[in-house]
Protein backbone atom coordinates (compact mmCIF):
# COMPACT_ATOMS: atom_id res chain seq x y z
CA MET A 1 -221.14 -19.51 -75.74
CA LEU A 2 -218.05 -19.88 -78.30
CA TYR A 3 -217.17 -22.90 -80.11
CA ALA A 4 -213.74 -22.87 -82.08
CA VAL A 5 -212.63 -25.90 -83.74
CA GLN A 6 -209.11 -26.14 -85.96
CA SER A 7 -210.82 -28.29 -88.81
CA ARG A 8 -207.71 -28.67 -90.50
CA MET A 9 -207.31 -31.42 -87.92
CA LEU A 10 -211.02 -33.02 -88.65
CA GLU A 11 -210.41 -36.11 -90.62
CA LYS A 12 -214.50 -35.88 -91.30
CA GLY A 13 -217.36 -35.68 -89.29
CA SER A 14 -219.22 -32.86 -87.81
CA ILE A 15 -217.69 -29.18 -87.66
CA ILE A 16 -220.48 -27.71 -86.67
CA GLY A 17 -223.80 -28.89 -85.96
CA PRO A 18 -226.59 -29.41 -83.01
CA GLU A 19 -224.00 -31.02 -81.08
CA HIS A 20 -222.08 -27.76 -81.02
CA GLY A 21 -225.37 -25.71 -79.96
CA ALA A 22 -226.36 -25.01 -83.77
CA SER A 23 -229.54 -24.67 -83.93
CA LYS A 24 -230.04 -23.28 -87.93
CA ILE A 25 -226.68 -24.29 -89.50
CA PHE A 26 -224.46 -27.16 -90.19
CA ARG A 27 -220.46 -28.15 -90.83
CA GLU A 28 -220.20 -31.20 -92.38
CA ARG A 29 -216.21 -32.97 -93.37
CA GLU A 30 -216.83 -35.91 -96.07
CA ARG A 31 -214.52 -37.69 -97.73
CA HIS A 32 -215.89 -39.78 -100.79
CA LYS A 33 -214.00 -42.34 -102.78
CA SER A 34 -214.15 -41.55 -106.53
CA GLY A 35 -216.98 -42.91 -108.43
CA PHE A 36 -219.31 -41.93 -105.28
CA PHE A 37 -221.94 -40.08 -106.17
CA VAL A 38 -225.36 -38.05 -105.03
CA GLY A 39 -228.34 -37.90 -107.52
CA LEU A 40 -230.13 -35.26 -108.15
CA HIS A 41 -232.32 -33.63 -105.44
CA SER A 42 -233.21 -30.04 -103.79
CA HIS A 43 -233.90 -28.30 -100.78
CA GLN A 44 -236.36 -26.08 -99.16
CA GLY A 45 -233.04 -24.15 -97.91
CA ASP A 46 -228.79 -22.87 -98.95
CA GLU A 47 -226.10 -25.09 -99.70
CA SER A 48 -222.41 -24.47 -100.17
CA PHE A 49 -219.31 -26.97 -100.19
CA GLU A 50 -215.75 -26.95 -100.80
CA VAL A 51 -213.93 -28.89 -102.28
CA LEU A 52 -210.97 -29.66 -100.28
CA GLU A 53 -208.56 -32.69 -101.58
CA GLY A 54 -209.85 -34.50 -105.32
CA LYS A 55 -211.49 -33.71 -107.89
CA ILE A 56 -215.70 -33.53 -108.12
CA ARG A 57 -218.10 -32.40 -110.33
CA PHE A 58 -220.79 -31.08 -110.03
CA THR A 59 -224.79 -30.68 -111.53
CA ALA A 60 -226.80 -27.84 -110.75
CA ALA A 61 -229.83 -26.83 -112.55
CA GLY A 62 -228.34 -28.90 -116.05
CA GLU A 63 -225.09 -27.17 -115.80
CA GLN A 64 -221.83 -28.79 -114.61
CA LYS A 65 -218.77 -27.49 -113.05
CA GLU A 66 -215.72 -30.09 -112.18
CA CYS A 67 -214.20 -28.62 -109.58
CA GLY A 68 -210.72 -29.30 -107.73
CA PRO A 69 -209.59 -28.02 -104.17
CA GLY A 70 -210.18 -24.11 -103.34
CA TYR A 71 -213.27 -24.25 -104.83
CA VAL A 72 -216.23 -23.41 -103.31
CA VAL A 73 -219.90 -24.45 -104.53
CA PHE A 74 -222.95 -22.37 -103.78
CA ILE A 75 -226.37 -23.77 -104.48
CA PRO A 76 -229.84 -21.82 -103.59
CA ALA A 77 -232.78 -23.36 -102.39
CA GLY A 78 -234.93 -25.04 -104.50
CA VAL A 79 -232.30 -25.59 -106.87
CA GLU A 80 -231.89 -29.07 -108.51
CA HIS A 81 -228.32 -30.32 -107.95
CA GLY A 82 -225.89 -33.62 -107.49
CA PHE A 83 -222.48 -34.63 -107.92
CA TYR A 84 -220.37 -37.42 -108.96
CA VAL A 85 -217.46 -37.82 -107.50
CA VAL A 86 -214.23 -37.89 -109.56
CA GLU A 87 -210.59 -38.11 -108.16
CA ASP A 88 -210.87 -39.43 -104.26
CA ALA A 89 -211.96 -36.03 -102.47
CA CYS A 90 -212.72 -34.26 -99.46
CA LEU A 91 -214.78 -31.64 -98.76
CA ASP A 92 -217.49 -29.29 -96.43
CA VAL A 93 -221.13 -28.70 -96.93
CA PHE A 94 -221.88 -26.01 -94.65
CA SER A 95 -225.58 -25.85 -95.29
CA GLU A 96 -229.09 -25.15 -93.21
CA GLN A 97 -230.13 -28.19 -91.11
CA LYS A 98 -233.46 -30.05 -91.62
CA MET A 99 -234.63 -28.03 -94.80
CA GLY A 100 -235.83 -31.21 -96.43
CA LEU A 101 -234.33 -33.72 -98.68
CA PHE A 102 -236.03 -33.79 -101.99
CA ILE A 103 -235.07 -36.00 -104.04
CA LYS A 104 -235.79 -36.26 -108.81
CA VAL A 105 -236.53 -39.89 -109.47
CA MET A 106 -236.51 -41.07 -112.83
CA ASP A 107 -239.27 -43.50 -113.89
CA GLY A 108 -238.46 -46.77 -115.80
CA ASP A 109 -240.65 -45.27 -118.34
CA GLY A 110 -238.70 -41.67 -118.24
CA SER A 111 -241.44 -39.55 -116.01
CA PHE A 112 -239.75 -37.60 -113.23
CA ARG A 113 -241.21 -37.09 -109.60
CA THR A 114 -239.83 -35.47 -106.46
CA GLU A 115 -240.10 -37.38 -103.75
CA GLU A 116 -238.92 -36.43 -100.14
CA VAL A 117 -236.86 -38.83 -97.97
CA TYR A 118 -236.41 -38.73 -94.10
CA VAL A 119 -233.01 -39.71 -93.02
CA GLU A 120 -231.74 -40.23 -89.55
CA ASN A 121 -229.23 -38.28 -88.16
CA PHE A 122 -228.99 -36.38 -91.79
CA PRO A 123 -228.80 -32.44 -90.36
CA SER A 124 -230.33 -31.25 -93.98
CA SER A 125 -233.50 -33.89 -93.49
CA ARG A 126 -236.72 -33.46 -91.85
CA ASN A 127 -238.50 -36.01 -88.92
CA PRO A 128 -240.69 -37.84 -90.61
CA PRO A 129 -244.56 -36.85 -90.30
CA PRO A 130 -246.36 -38.46 -87.58
CA GLY A 131 -247.34 -42.72 -88.84
CA GLN A 132 -244.16 -42.30 -91.09
CA THR A 133 -240.40 -43.99 -90.97
CA TYR A 134 -237.66 -42.70 -91.55
CA THR A 135 -236.40 -43.56 -94.68
CA SER A 136 -233.92 -46.13 -95.09
CA ARG A 137 -229.95 -45.78 -96.87
CA GLU A 138 -230.37 -47.78 -98.72
CA HIS A 139 -233.41 -47.14 -100.42
CA VAL A 140 -232.14 -43.21 -101.19
CA ARG A 141 -229.05 -44.55 -102.65
CA LYS A 142 -231.59 -46.46 -104.91
CA LEU A 143 -233.62 -42.89 -105.56
CA TYR A 144 -230.52 -41.51 -106.30
CA GLN A 145 -228.79 -43.97 -108.45
CA THR A 146 -232.15 -43.41 -111.22
CA THR A 147 -230.49 -40.37 -111.85
CA ARG A 148 -226.91 -40.92 -111.91
CA HIS A 149 -226.66 -40.98 -115.75
CA LEU A 150 -227.92 -37.12 -115.63
CA LEU A 151 -224.30 -35.90 -112.93
């Protein structure tokens, strides 16, 4: 089987994923408005980002780097990371499927904890264990909000 796509023609969405026969990796195009952010989190697999348009400030392991078109950012497994969109942006995410999504949560007393979330139809997320349900995207956003100030 061979799958080929002119990714320049794709506005957003899946470029490579299970629907194309991929069982381990995915590549997805995302578009975000200025001010959008993904709070600190980690995975049990590698992740990379390619900025195609706009500007994004990436935070990883306490370091920050503002990246524009042409930058490729690599985050190894287990490294806490997140990003803040400085200018409307388009980026490709290239990563492993089902590597888990572990969000760093700052509680009201200033302490931190990690919470694994299970997001339906999200390639990085694992399926919930028996007896648990998928985490709502609203709850994920609420958890991300707790570390926005660190981005």
